[in-house]
Amino acid sequence: MAALSNYRFTVLSKTVAAGGQDTAEYSPAQDIVIKKIAINERAGTALNNVFIDIEIQGDKVTKQPIPASLFTVPWSQLPDLEINLPKSVQIKFTIINNTGGALNIDIVLAWKPA
C-alpha cells in the first residue's frame, strides 16, 4: 500500500439537497493520474442511498450511477484506479441524493503527476 505522502489531493465539496442532485467538476492544471477516490459526508451520515455518476469530458466512466458507499471504505480498501486526466480535461461527478436530508459531500481525489 502506498503511503499517503506519495499522493497529492484535491477536494471537491458540494451541499446536495434532500432528494436532489448536484455536480462537482475538476480540470487539472497539469496531466495527472487519479489513483484513488474517497467520498465523505461531513456530518457522518451514511451514504447508503446516495449515488455517483462519473464522466470525463462528456464520456461516461460509469454506465449508470453507482453507490457512493463504495468510496467510503477505509483508505486501504478503496479501489486502486488508473484514471489518466490530461491538463484542462474535465472530470465531472454527479451526486444523486436519495435521502431525506441535505448532505455535505466531499469527494477526495488522490492523484500523482502523469
PDB file of N, CA and C in Angstrom:
ATOM      1  N   MET A   1       0.845  -1.178   0.000  1.00  0.00           N
ATOM      2  CA  MET A   1       0.000   0.000   0.000  1.00  0.00           C
ATOM      3  C   MET A   1       0.885   1.234   0.000  1.00  0.00           C
ATOM      4  N   ALA A   2       0.611   2.168  -0.883  1.00  0.00           N
ATOM      5  CA  ALA A   2       1.391   3.391  -0.974  1.00  0.00           C
ATOM      6  C   ALA A   2       1.051   4.335   0.177  1.00  0.00           C
ATOM      7  N   ALA A   3       2.062   5.000   0.681  1.00  0.00           N
ATOM      8  CA  ALA A   3       1.858   5.962   1.762  1.00  0.00           C
ATOM      9  C   ALA A   3       1.088   7.173   1.245  1.00  0.00           C
ATOM     10  N   LEU A   4       0.308   7.770   2.138  1.00  0.00           N
ATOM     11  CA  LEU A   4      -0.463   8.959   1.757  1.00  0.00           C
ATOM     12  C   LEU A   4       0.428  10.074   1.241  1.00  0.00           C
ATOM     13  N   SER A   5       1.648  10.128   1.728  1.00  0.00           N
ATOM     14  CA  SER A   5       2.559  11.190   1.301  1.00  0.00           C
ATOM     15  C   SER A   5       2.976  11.044  -0.164  1.00  0.00           C
ATOM     16  N   ASN A   6       2.680   9.890  -0.770  1.00  0.00           N
ATOM     17  CA  ASN A   6       3.010   9.679  -2.180  1.00  0.00           C
ATOM     18  C   ASN A   6       2.002  10.305  -3.130  1.00  0.00           C
ATOM     19  N   TYR A   7       0.917  10.855  -2.572  1.00  0.00           N
ATOM     20  CA  TYR A   7      -0.157  11.399  -3.396  1.00  0.00           C
ATOM     21  C   TYR A   7      -0.305  12.901  -3.184  1.00  0.00           C
ATOM     22  N   ARG A   8      -0.943  13.520  -4.151  1.00  0.00           N
ATOM     23  CA  ARG A   8      -1.441  14.880  -3.995  1.00  0.00           C
ATOM     24  C   ARG A   8      -2.952  14.761  -3.941  1.00  0.00           C
ATOM     25  N   PHE A   9      -3.600  15.726  -3.310  1.00  0.00           N
ATOM     26  CA  PHE A   9      -5.033  15.619  -3.089  1.00  0.00           C
ATOM     27  C   PHE A   9      -5.774  16.854  -3.581  1.00  0.00           C
ATOM     28  N   THR A  10      -6.953  16.612  -4.123  1.00  0.00           N
ATOM     29  CA  THR A  10      -7.885  17.667  -4.493  1.00  0.00           C
ATOM     30  C   THR A  10      -9.216  17.298  -3.864  1.00  0.00           C
ATOM     31  N   VAL A  11      -9.848  18.269  -3.184  1.00  0.00           N
ATOM     32  CA  VAL A  11     -11.132  18.038  -2.541  1.00  0.00           C
ATOM     33  C   VAL A  11     -12.196  18.863  -3.245  1.00  0.00           C
ATOM     34  N   LEU A  12     -13.258  18.190  -3.664  1.00  0.00           N
ATOM     35  CA  LEU A  12     -14.407  18.837  -4.288  1.00  0.00           C
ATOM     36  C   LEU A  12     -15.553  18.754  -3.285  1.00  0.00           C
ATOM     37  N   SER A  13     -16.088  19.889  -2.866  1.00  0.00           N
ATOM     38  CA  SER A  13     -17.132  19.911  -1.840  1.00  0.00           C
ATOM     39  C   SER A  13     -18.437  20.437  -2.410  1.00  0.00           C
ATOM     40  N   LYS A  14     -19.521  19.769  -2.048  1.00  0.00           N
ATOM     41  CA  LYS A  14     -20.856  20.157  -2.511  1.00  0.00           C
ATOM     42  C   LYS A  14     -21.871  19.896  -1.406  1.00  0.00           C
ATOM     43  N   THR A  15     -22.879  20.757  -1.323  1.00  0.00           N
ATOM     44  CA  THR A  15     -24.053  20.504  -0.498  1.00  0.00           C
ATOM     45  C   THR A  15     -25.162  20.113  -1.448  1.00  0.00           C
ATOM     46  N   VAL A  16     -25.769  18.957  -1.194  1.00  0.00           N
ATOM     47  CA  VAL A  16     -26.801  18.425  -2.078  1.00  0.00           C
ATOM     48  C   VAL A  16     -28.105  18.325  -1.286  1.00  0.00           C
ATOM     49  N   ALA A  17     -29.135  18.969  -1.794  1.00  0.00           N
ATOM     50  CA  ALA A  17     -30.436  18.994  -1.124  1.00  0.00           C
ATOM     51  C   ALA A  17     -31.039  17.597  -1.046  1.00  0.00           C
ATOM     52  N   ALA A  18     -31.934  17.411  -0.071  1.00  0.00           N
ATOM     53  CA  ALA A  18     -32.661  16.147   0.063  1.00  0.00           C
ATOM     54  C   ALA A  18     -33.403  15.847  -1.229  1.00  0.00           C
ATOM     55  N   GLY A  19     -33.238  14.634  -1.742  1.00  0.00           N
ATOM     56  CA  GLY A  19     -33.910  14.232  -2.964  1.00  0.00           C
ATOM     57  C   GLY A  19     -33.396  14.908  -4.220  1.00  0.00           C
ATOM     58  N   GLY A  20     -32.295  15.638  -4.107  1.00  0.00           N
ATOM     59  CA  GLY A  20     -31.767  16.388  -5.244  1.00  0.00           C
ATOM     60  C   GLY A  20     -30.471  15.825  -5.785  1.00  0.00           C
ATOM     61  N   GLN A  21     -29.914  16.550  -6.725  1.00  0.00           N
ATOM     62  CA  GLN A  21     -28.609  16.186  -7.261  1.00  0.00           C
ATOM     63  C   GLN A  21     -27.837  17.450  -7.591  1.00  0.00           C
ATOM     64  N   ASP A  22     -26.524  17.311  -7.633  1.00  0.00           N
ATOM     65  CA  ASP A  22     -25.634  18.419  -7.969  1.00  0.00           C
ATOM     66  C   ASP A  22     -24.384  17.821  -8.597  1.00  0.00           C
ATOM     67  N   THR A  23     -23.583  18.680  -9.215  1.00  0.00           N
ATOM     68  CA  THR A  23     -22.361  18.205  -9.845  1.00  0.00           C
ATOM     69  C   THR A  23     -21.148  18.905  -9.250  1.00  0.00           C
ATOM     70  N   ALA A  24     -20.044  18.186  -9.251  1.00  0.00           N
ATOM     71  CA  ALA A  24     -18.742  18.720  -8.857  1.00  0.00           C
ATOM     72  C   ALA A  24     -17.789  18.417 -10.002  1.00  0.00           C
ATOM     73  N   GLU A  25     -17.073  19.446 -10.457  1.00  0.00           N
ATOM     74  CA  GLU A  25     -16.164  19.275 -11.592  1.00  0.00           C
ATOM     75  C   GLU A  25     -14.746  19.649 -11.206  1.00  0.00           C
ATOM     76  N   TYR A  26     -13.804  19.046 -11.928  1.00  0.00           N
ATOM     77  CA  TYR A  26     -12.384  19.366 -11.719  1.00  0.00           C
ATOM     78  C   TYR A  26     -11.655  19.241 -13.045  1.00  0.00           C
ATOM     79  N   SER A  27     -10.835  20.235 -13.351  1.00  0.00           N
ATOM     80  CA  SER A  27      -9.954  20.220 -14.522  1.00  0.00           C
ATOM     81  C   SER A  27      -8.545  20.517 -14.025  1.00  0.00           C
ATOM     82  N   PRO A  28      -7.622  19.573 -14.132  1.00  0.00           N
ATOM     83  CA  PRO A  28      -6.287  19.783 -13.581  1.00  0.00           C
ATOM     84  C   PRO A  28      -5.462  20.784 -14.392  1.00  0.00           C
ATOM     85  N   ALA A  29      -4.514  21.396 -13.718  1.00  0.00           N
ATOM     86  CA  ALA A  29      -3.601  22.361 -14.355  1.00  0.00           C
ATOM     87  C   ALA A  29      -2.424  21.657 -15.025  1.00  0.00           C
ATOM     88  N   GLN A  30      -2.315  20.348 -14.840  1.00  0.00           N
ATOM     89  CA  GLN A  30      -1.252  19.547 -15.459  1.00  0.00           C
ATOM     90  C   GLN A  30      -1.824  18.153 -15.722  1.00  0.00           C
ATOM     91  N   ASP A  31      -1.137  17.339 -16.506  1.00  0.00           N
ATOM     92  CA  ASP A  31      -1.544  15.951 -16.723  1.00  0.00           C
ATOM     93  C   ASP A  31      -1.400  15.194 -15.407  1.00  0.00           C
ATOM     94  N   ILE A  32      -2.464  14.459 -15.022  1.00  0.00           N
ATOM     95  CA  ILE A  32      -2.421  13.703 -13.770  1.00  0.00           C
ATOM     96  C   ILE A  32      -2.975  12.299 -13.982  1.00  0.00           C
ATOM     97  N   VAL A  33      -2.741  11.441 -12.981  1.00  0.00           N
ATOM     98  CA  VAL A  33      -3.340  10.116 -12.920  1.00  0.00           C
ATOM     99  C   VAL A  33      -4.048  10.026 -11.569  1.00  0.00           C
ATOM    100  N   ILE A  34      -5.372   9.855 -11.609  1.00  0.00           N
ATOM    101  CA  ILE A  34      -6.133   9.691 -10.374  1.00  0.00           C
ATOM    102  C   ILE A  34      -5.952   8.252  -9.912  1.00  0.00           C
ATOM    103  N   LYS A  35      -5.466   8.098  -8.681  1.00  0.00           N
ATOM    104  CA  LYS A  35      -5.155   6.775  -8.150  1.00  0.00           C
ATOM    105  C   LYS A  35      -6.244   6.235  -7.214  1.00  0.00           C
ATOM    106  N   LYS A  36      -6.925   7.134  -6.507  1.00  0.00           N
ATOM    107  CA  LYS A  36      -7.997   6.732  -5.595  1.00  0.00           C
ATOM    108  C   LYS A  36      -9.025   7.860  -5.519  1.00  0.00           C
ATOM    109  N   ILE A  37     -10.259   7.476  -5.239  1.00  0.00           N
ATOM    110  CA  ILE A  37     -11.330   8.435  -4.983  1.00  0.00           C
ATOM    111  C   ILE A  37     -11.987   8.022  -3.673  1.00  0.00           C
ATOM    112  N   ALA A  38     -12.100   8.972  -2.750  1.00  0.00           N
ATOM    113  CA  ALA A  38     -12.793   8.733  -1.483  1.00  0.00           C
ATOM    114  C   ALA A  38     -13.933   9.744  -1.378  1.00  0.00           C
ATOM    115  N   ILE A  39     -15.019   9.327  -0.761  1.00  0.00           N
ATOM    116  CA  ILE A  39     -16.170  10.210  -0.577  1.00  0.00           C
ATOM    117  C   ILE A  39     -16.531  10.228   0.899  1.00  0.00           C
ATOM    118  N   ASN A  40     -16.809  11.430   1.403  1.00  0.00           N
ATOM    119  CA  ASN A  40     -17.106  11.634   2.809  1.00  0.00           C
ATOM    120  C   ASN A  40     -18.320  12.544   2.940  1.00  0.00           C
ATOM    121  N   GLU A  41     -19.161  12.266   3.934  1.00  0.00           N
ATOM    122  CA  GLU A  41     -20.233  13.188   4.295  1.00  0.00           C
ATOM    123  C   GLU A  41     -19.818  13.804   5.613  1.00  0.00           C
ATOM    124  N   ARG A  42     -19.719  15.131   5.652  1.00  0.00           N
ATOM    125  CA  ARG A  42     -19.088  15.818   6.787  1.00  0.00           C
ATOM    126  C   ARG A  42     -19.759  15.586   8.131  1.00  0.00           C
ATOM    127  N   ALA A  43     -21.066  15.330   8.162  1.00  0.00           N
ATOM    128  CA  ALA A  43     -21.760  15.087   9.434  1.00  0.00           C
ATOM    129  C   ALA A  43     -21.740  13.608   9.815  1.00  0.00           C
ATOM    130  N   GLY A  44     -21.151  12.782   8.977  1.00  0.00           N
ATOM    131  CA  GLY A  44     -21.055  11.355   9.271  1.00  0.00           C
ATOM    132  C   GLY A  44     -22.261  10.550   8.817  1.00  0.00           C
ATOM    133  N   THR A  45     -23.153  11.167   8.048  1.00  0.00           N
ATOM    134  CA  THR A  45     -24.334  10.462   7.548  1.00  0.00           C
ATOM    135  C   THR A  45     -23.914   9.344   6.595  1.00  0.00           C
ATOM    136  N   ALA A  46     -24.540   8.180   6.754  1.00  0.00           N
ATOM    137  CA  ALA A  46     -24.256   7.058   5.852  1.00  0.00           C
ATOM    138  C   ALA A  46     -24.707   7.413   4.443  1.00  0.00           C
ATOM    139  N   LEU A  47     -23.960   6.971   3.460  1.00  0.00           N
ATOM    140  CA  LEU A  47     -24.253   7.284   2.062  1.00  0.00           C
ATOM    141  C   LEU A  47     -24.867   6.084   1.336  1.00  0.00           C
ATOM    142  N   ASN A  48     -25.673   5.297   2.068  1.00  0.00           N
ATOM    143  CA  ASN A  48     -26.261   4.086   1.503  1.00  0.00           C
ATOM    144  C   ASN A  48     -27.265   4.359   0.391  1.00  0.00           C
ATOM    145  N   ASN A  49     -27.889   5.525   0.379  1.00  0.00           N
ATOM    146  CA  ASN A  49     -28.875   5.841  -0.645  1.00  0.00           C
ATOM    147  C   ASN A  49     -28.450   7.072  -1.452  1.00  0.00           C
ATOM    148  N   VAL A  50     -27.143   7.165  -1.672  1.00  0.00           N
ATOM    149  CA  VAL A  50     -26.557   8.246  -2.464  1.00  0.00           C
ATOM    150  C   VAL A  50     -25.765   7.593  -3.593  1.00  0.00           C
ATOM    151  N   PHE A  51     -25.888   8.152  -4.794  1.00  0.00           N
ATOM    152  CA  PHE A  51     -25.248   7.558  -5.966  1.00  0.00           C
ATOM    153  C   PHE A  51     -24.376   8.591  -6.665  1.00  0.00           C
ATOM    154  N   ILE A  52     -23.361   8.105  -7.371  1.00  0.00           N
ATOM    155  CA  ILE A  52     -22.403   8.938  -8.082  1.00  0.00           C
ATOM    156  C   ILE A  52     -22.355   8.493  -9.533  1.00  0.00           C
ATOM    157  N   ASP A  53     -22.366   9.462 -10.418  1.00  0.00           N
ATOM    158  CA  ASP A  53     -22.171   9.208 -11.843  1.00  0.00           C
ATOM    159  C   ASP A  53     -20.903   9.966 -12.228  1.00  0.00           C
ATOM    160  N   ILE A  54     -20.003   9.331 -12.964  1.00  0.00           N
ATOM    161  CA  ILE A  54     -18.712   9.945 -13.303  1.00  0.00           C
ATOM    162  C   ILE A  54     -18.575  10.014 -14.814  1.00  0.00           C
ATOM    163  N   GLU A  55     -18.147  11.183 -15.292  1.00  0.00           N
ATOM    164  CA  GLU A  55     -17.827  11.307 -16.713  1.00  0.00           C
ATOM    165  C   GLU A  55     -16.589  12.170 -16.887  1.00  0.00           C
ATOM    166  N   ILE A  56     -15.883  11.901 -17.973  1.00  0.00           N
ATOM    167  CA  ILE A  56     -14.680  12.663 -18.322  1.00  0.00           C
ATOM    168  C   ILE A  56     -14.916  13.281 -19.688  1.00  0.00           C
ATOM    169  N   GLN A  57     -14.883  14.598 -19.709  1.00  0.00           N
ATOM    170  CA  GLN A  57     -15.068  15.365 -20.945  1.00  0.00           C
ATOM    171  C   GLN A  57     -16.309  14.881 -21.712  1.00  0.00           C
ATOM    172  N   GLY A  58     -17.391  14.621 -20.956  1.00  0.00           N
ATOM    173  CA  GLY A  58     -18.646  14.208 -21.564  1.00  0.00           C
ATOM    174  C   GLY A  58     -18.786  12.724 -21.810  1.00  0.00           C
ATOM    175  N   ASP A  59     -17.703  11.944 -21.655  1.00  0.00           N
ATOM    176  CA  ASP A  59     -17.769  10.493 -21.842  1.00  0.00           C
ATOM    177  C   ASP A  59     -18.008   9.819 -20.497  1.00  0.00           C
ATOM    178  N   LYS A  60     -19.036   8.981 -20.426  1.00  0.00           N
ATOM    179  CA  LYS A  60     -19.383   8.299 -19.180  1.00  0.00           C
ATOM    180  C   LYS A  60     -18.295   7.303 -18.779  1.00  0.00           C
ATOM    181  N   VAL A  61     -17.895   7.372 -17.528  1.00  0.00           N
ATOM    182  CA  VAL A  61     -16.985   6.392 -16.943  1.00  0.00           C
ATOM    183  C   VAL A  61     -17.822   5.286 -16.304  1.00  0.00           C
ATOM    184  N   THR A  62     -18.911   5.684 -15.659  1.00  0.00           N
ATOM    185  CA  THR A  62     -19.855   4.738 -15.071  1.00  0.00           C
ATOM    186  C   THR A  62     -21.019   4.573 -16.048  1.00  0.00           C
ATOM    187  N   LYS A  63     -21.420   3.343 -16.304  1.00  0.00           N
ATOM    188  CA  LYS A  63     -22.525   3.104 -17.243  1.00  0.00           C
ATOM    189  C   LYS A  63     -23.845   3.559 -16.658  1.00  0.00           C
ATOM    190  N   GLN A  64     -23.915   3.547 -15.327  1.00  0.00           N
ATOM    191  CA  GLN A  64     -25.088   4.027 -14.600  1.00  0.00           C
ATOM    192  C   GLN A  64     -24.575   4.547 -13.264  1.00  0.00           C
ATOM    193  N   PRO A  65     -25.384   5.325 -12.541  1.00  0.00           N
ATOM    194  CA  PRO A  65     -24.917   5.794 -11.229  1.00  0.00           C
ATOM    195  C   PRO A  65     -24.570   4.612 -10.318  1.00  0.00           C
ATOM    196  N   ILE A  66     -23.476   4.773  -9.580  1.00  0.00           N
ATOM    197  CA  ILE A  66     -23.014   3.710  -8.676  1.00  0.00           C
ATOM    198  C   ILE A  66     -23.134   4.191  -7.231  1.00  0.00           C
ATOM    199  N   PRO A  67     -23.264   3.274  -6.278  1.00  0.00           N
ATOM    200  CA  PRO A  67     -23.401   3.675  -4.878  1.00  0.00           C
ATOM    201  C   PRO A  67     -22.174   4.452  -4.379  1.00  0.00           C
ATOM    202  N   ALA A  68     -22.420   5.597  -3.773  1.00  0.00           N
ATOM    203  CA  ALA A  68     -21.323   6.387  -3.197  1.00  0.00           C
ATOM    204  C   ALA A  68     -20.646   5.628  -2.063  1.00  0.00           C
ATOM    205  N   SER A  69     -21.382   4.717  -1.437  1.00  0.00           N
ATOM    206  CA  SER A  69     -20.824   3.959  -0.313  1.00  0.00           C
ATOM    207  C   SER A  69     -19.611   3.117  -0.718  1.00  0.00           C
ATOM    208  N   LEU A  70     -19.446   2.826  -2.011  1.00  0.00           N
ATOM    209  CA  LEU A  70     -18.259   2.095  -2.482  1.00  0.00           C
ATOM    210  C   LEU A  70     -16.972   2.870  -2.189  1.00  0.00           C
ATOM    211  N   PHE A  71     -17.097   4.205  -2.058  1.00  0.00           N
ATOM    212  CA  PHE A  71     -15.928   5.064  -1.867  1.00  0.00           C
ATOM    213  C   PHE A  71     -15.810   5.589  -0.439  1.00  0.00           C
ATOM    214  N   THR A  72     -16.540   4.960   0.508  1.00  0.00           N
ATOM    215  CA  THR A  72     -16.497   5.413   1.902  1.00  0.00           C
ATOM    216  C   THR A  72     -15.734   4.452   2.804  1.00  0.00           C
ATOM    217  N   VAL A  73     -15.119   3.462   2.229  1.00  0.00           N
ATOM    218  CA  VAL A  73     -14.398   2.441   2.998  1.00  0.00           C
ATOM    219  C   VAL A  73     -13.037   2.987   3.444  1.00  0.00           C
ATOM    220  N   PRO A  74     -12.358   2.305   4.375  1.00  0.00           N
ATOM    221  CA  PRO A  74     -11.012   2.753   4.773  1.00  0.00           C
ATOM    222  C   PRO A  74     -10.069   2.848   3.560  1.00  0.00           C
ATOM    223  N   TRP A  75      -9.083   3.711   3.673  1.00  0.00           N
ATOM    224  CA  TRP A  75      -8.141   4.008   2.589  1.00  0.00           C
ATOM    225  C   TRP A  75      -7.591   2.749   1.931  1.00  0.00           C
ATOM    226  N   SER A  76      -7.186   1.787   2.731  1.00  0.00           N
ATOM    227  CA  SER A  76      -6.558   0.567   2.187  1.00  0.00           C
ATOM    228  C   SER A  76      -7.546  -0.296   1.399  1.00  0.00           C
ATOM    229  N   GLN A  77      -8.848  -0.058   1.567  1.00  0.00           N
ATOM    230  CA  GLN A  77      -9.858  -0.844   0.866  1.00  0.00           C
ATOM    231  C   GLN A  77     -10.455  -0.118  -0.344  1.00  0.00           C
ATOM    232  N   LEU A  78     -10.064   1.134  -0.537  1.00  0.00           N
ATOM    233  CA  LEU A  78     -10.545   1.852  -1.716  1.00  0.00           C
ATOM    234  C   LEU A  78     -10.000   1.197  -2.973  1.00  0.00           C
ATOM    235  N   PRO A  79     -10.798   1.160  -4.034  1.00  0.00           N
ATOM    236  CA  PRO A  79     -10.285   0.564  -5.273  1.00  0.00           C
ATOM    237  C   PRO A  79      -9.087   1.341  -5.815  1.00  0.00           C
ATOM    238  N   ASP A  80      -8.078   0.622  -6.294  1.00  0.00           N
ATOM    239  CA  ASP A  80      -6.949   1.262  -6.957  1.00  0.00           C
ATOM    240  C   ASP A  80      -7.392   1.639  -8.363  1.00  0.00           C
ATOM    241  N   LEU A  81      -7.154   2.876  -8.718  1.00  0.00           N
ATOM    242  CA  LEU A  81      -7.578   3.392 -10.021  1.00  0.00           C
ATOM    243  C   LEU A  81      -6.375   3.812 -10.842  1.00  0.00           C
ATOM    244  N   GLU A  82      -6.587   3.998 -12.088  1.00  0.00           N
ATOM    245  CA  GLU A  82      -5.552   4.467 -13.026  1.00  0.00           C
ATOM    246  C   GLU A  82      -6.270   5.326 -14.072  1.00  0.00           C
ATOM    247  N   ILE A  83      -6.832   6.453 -13.607  1.00  0.00           N
ATOM    248  CA  ILE A  83      -7.596   7.338 -14.487  1.00  0.00           C
ATOM    249  C   ILE A  83      -6.677   8.449 -14.978  1.00  0.00           C
ATOM    250  N   ASN A  84      -6.311   8.391 -16.248  1.00  0.00           N
ATOM    251  CA  ASN A  84      -5.471   9.430 -16.841  1.00  0.00           C
ATOM    252  C   ASN A  84      -6.338  10.642 -17.156  1.00  0.00           C
ATOM    253  N   LEU A  85      -5.942  11.786 -16.612  1.00  0.00           N
ATOM    254  CA  LEU A  85      -6.691  13.018 -16.824  1.00  0.00           C
ATOM    255  C   LEU A  85      -5.729  14.088 -17.338  1.00  0.00           C
ATOM    256  N   PRO A  86      -5.756  14.334 -18.652  1.00  0.00           N
ATOM    257  CA  PRO A  86      -4.860  15.339 -19.219  1.00  0.00           C
ATOM    258  C   PRO A  86      -5.179  16.747 -18.717  1.00  0.00           C
ATOM    259  N   LYS A  87      -4.210  17.608 -18.833  1.00  0.00           N
ATOM    260  CA  LYS A  87      -4.346  19.010 -18.445  1.00  0.00           C
ATOM    261  C   LYS A  87      -5.605  19.599 -19.083  1.00  0.00           C
ATOM    262  N   SER A  88      -6.381  20.305 -18.274  1.00  0.00           N
ATOM    263  CA  SER A  88      -7.585  21.039 -18.689  1.00  0.00           C
ATOM    264  C   SER A  88      -8.759  20.164 -19.106  1.00  0.00           C
ATOM    265  N   VAL A  89      -8.638  18.839 -19.021  1.00  0.00           N
ATOM    266  CA  VAL A  89      -9.764  17.954 -19.332  1.00  0.00           C
ATOM    267  C   VAL A  89     -10.595  17.796 -18.052  1.00  0.00           C
ATOM    268  N   GLN A  90     -11.905  17.903 -18.186  1.00  0.00           N
ATOM    269  CA  GLN A  90     -12.787  17.924 -17.024  1.00  0.00           C
ATOM    270  C   GLN A  90     -13.296  16.538 -16.638  1.00  0.00           C
ATOM    271  N   ILE A  91     -13.201  16.253 -15.321  1.00  0.00           N
ATOM    272  CA  ILE A  91     -13.892  15.099 -14.757  1.00  0.00           C
ATOM    273  C   ILE A  91     -15.069  15.662 -13.978  1.00  0.00           C
ATOM    274  N   LYS A  92     -16.237  15.043 -14.161  1.00  0.00           N
ATOM    275  CA  LYS A  92     -17.457  15.547 -13.521  1.00  0.00           C
ATOM    276  C   LYS A  92     -18.116  14.424 -12.735  1.00  0.00           C
ATOM    277  N   PHE A  93     -18.467  14.747 -11.499  1.00  0.00           N
ATOM    278  CA  PHE A  93     -19.167  13.832 -10.610  1.00  0.00           C
ATOM    279  C   PHE A  93     -20.580  14.366 -10.408  1.00  0.00           C
ATOM    280  N   THR A  94     -21.574  13.570 -10.757  1.00  0.00           N
ATOM    281  CA  THR A  94     -22.955  13.927 -10.455  1.00  0.00           C
ATOM    282  C   THR A  94     -23.343  13.162  -9.199  1.00  0.00           C
ATOM    283  N   ILE A  95     -23.753  13.901  -8.182  1.00  0.00           N
ATOM    284  CA  ILE A  95     -24.113  13.323  -6.885  1.00  0.00           C
ATOM    285  C   ILE A  95     -25.638  13.296  -6.807  1.00  0.00           C
ATOM    286  N   ILE A  96     -26.200  12.119  -6.599  1.00  0.00           N
ATOM    287  CA  ILE A  96     -27.648  11.943  -6.543  1.00  0.00           C
ATOM    288  C   ILE A  96     -28.011  11.559  -5.111  1.00  0.00           C
ATOM    289  N   ASN A  97     -28.697  12.458  -4.425  1.00  0.00           N
ATOM    290  CA  ASN A  97     -29.045  12.277  -3.021  1.00  0.00           C
ATOM    291  C   ASN A  97     -30.482  11.777  -2.908  1.00  0.00           C
ATOM    292  N   ASN A  98     -30.645  10.499  -2.625  1.00  0.00           N
ATOM    293  CA  ASN A  98     -31.977   9.914  -2.450  1.00  0.00           C
ATOM    294  C   ASN A  98     -32.382   9.825  -0.984  1.00  0.00           C
ATOM    295  N   THR A  99     -31.698  10.574  -0.115  1.00  0.00           N
ATOM    296  CA  THR A  99     -32.032  10.560   1.310  1.00  0.00           C
ATOM    297  C   THR A  99     -33.034  11.672   1.614  1.00  0.00           C
ATOM    298  N   GLY A 100     -33.500  11.697   2.840  1.00  0.00           N
ATOM    299  CA  GLY A 100     -34.479  12.691   3.259  1.00  0.00           C
ATOM    300  C   GLY A 100     -33.872  13.965   3.807  1.00  0.00           C
ATOM    301  N   GLY A 101     -32.555  14.090   3.762  1.00  0.00           N
ATOM    302  CA  GLY A 101     -31.909  15.293   4.294  1.00  0.00           C
ATOM    303  C   GLY A 101     -30.800  15.781   3.381  1.00  0.00           C
ATOM    304  N   ALA A 102     -30.460  17.057   3.537  1.00  0.00           N
ATOM    305  CA  ALA A 102     -29.343  17.628   2.773  1.00  0.00           C
ATOM    306  C   ALA A 102     -28.036  16.997   3.237  1.00  0.00           C
ATOM    307  N   LEU A 103     -27.099  16.859   2.310  1.00  0.00           N
ATOM    308  CA  LEU A 103     -25.799  16.254   2.607  1.00  0.00           C
ATOM    309  C   LEU A 103     -24.677  17.201   2.209  1.00  0.00           C
ATOM    310  N   ASN A 104     -23.619  17.213   3.012  1.00  0.00           N
ATOM    311  CA  ASN A 104     -22.395  17.957   2.694  1.00  0.00           C
ATOM    312  C   ASN A 104     -21.345  16.935   2.284  1.00  0.00           C
ATOM    313  N   ILE A 105     -21.124  16.844   0.987  1.00  0.00           N
ATOM    314  CA  ILE A 105     -20.277  15.795   0.411  1.00  0.00           C
ATOM    315  C   ILE A 105     -18.900  16.344   0.056  1.00  0.00           C
ATOM    316  N   ASP A 106     -17.868  15.603   0.416  1.00  0.00           N
ATOM    317  CA  ASP A 106     -16.503  15.867  -0.031  1.00  0.00           C
ATOM    318  C   ASP A 106     -16.074  14.696  -0.903  1.00  0.00           C
ATOM    319  N   ILE A 107     -15.648  14.995  -2.126  1.00  0.00           N
ATOM    320  CA  ILE A 107     -15.064  13.990  -2.996  1.00  0.00           C
ATOM    321  C   ILE A 107     -13.573  14.272  -3.023  1.00  0.00           C
ATOM    322  N   VAL A 108     -12.790  13.306  -2.562  1.00  0.00           N
ATOM    323  CA  VAL A 108     -11.346  13.473  -2.446  1.00  0.00           C
ATOM    324  C   VAL A 108     -10.665  12.690  -3.562  1.00  0.00           C
ATOM    325  N   LEU A 109      -9.934  13.391  -4.398  1.00  0.00           N
ATOM    326  CA  LEU A 109      -9.160  12.774  -5.470  1.00  0.00           C
ATOM    327  C   LEU A 109      -7.720  12.666  -5.019  1.00  0.00           C
ATOM    328  N   ALA A 110      -7.201  11.451  -4.965  1.00  0.00           N
ATOM    329  CA  ALA A 110      -5.780  11.232  -4.676  1.00  0.00           C
ATOM    330  C   ALA A 110      -5.112  10.983  -6.016  1.00  0.00           C
ATOM    331  N   TRP A 111      -4.118  11.797  -6.352  1.00  0.00           N
ATOM    332  CA  TRP A 111      -3.528  11.727  -7.683  1.00  0.00           C
ATOM    333  C   TRP A 111      -2.013  11.914  -7.645  1.00  0.00           C
ATOM    334  N   LYS A 112      -1.420  11.559  -8.778  1.00  0.00           N
ATOM    335  CA  LYS A 112       0.009  11.769  -8.996  1.00  0.00           C
ATOM    336  C   LYS A 112       0.182  12.460 -10.346  1.00  0.00           C
ATOM    337  N   PRO A 113       1.235  13.238 -10.501  1.00  0.00           N
ATOM    338  CA  PRO A 113       1.502  13.806 -11.840  1.00  0.00           C
ATOM    339  C   PRO A 113       1.729  12.670 -12.844  1.00  0.00           C
ATOM    340  N   ALA A 114       1.274  12.876 -14.061  1.00  0.00           N
ATOM    341  CA  ALA A 114       1.432  11.842 -15.100  1.00  0.00           C
ATOM    342  C   ALA A 114       2.883  11.799 -15.584  1.00  0.00           C
TER     343      ALA A 114
END
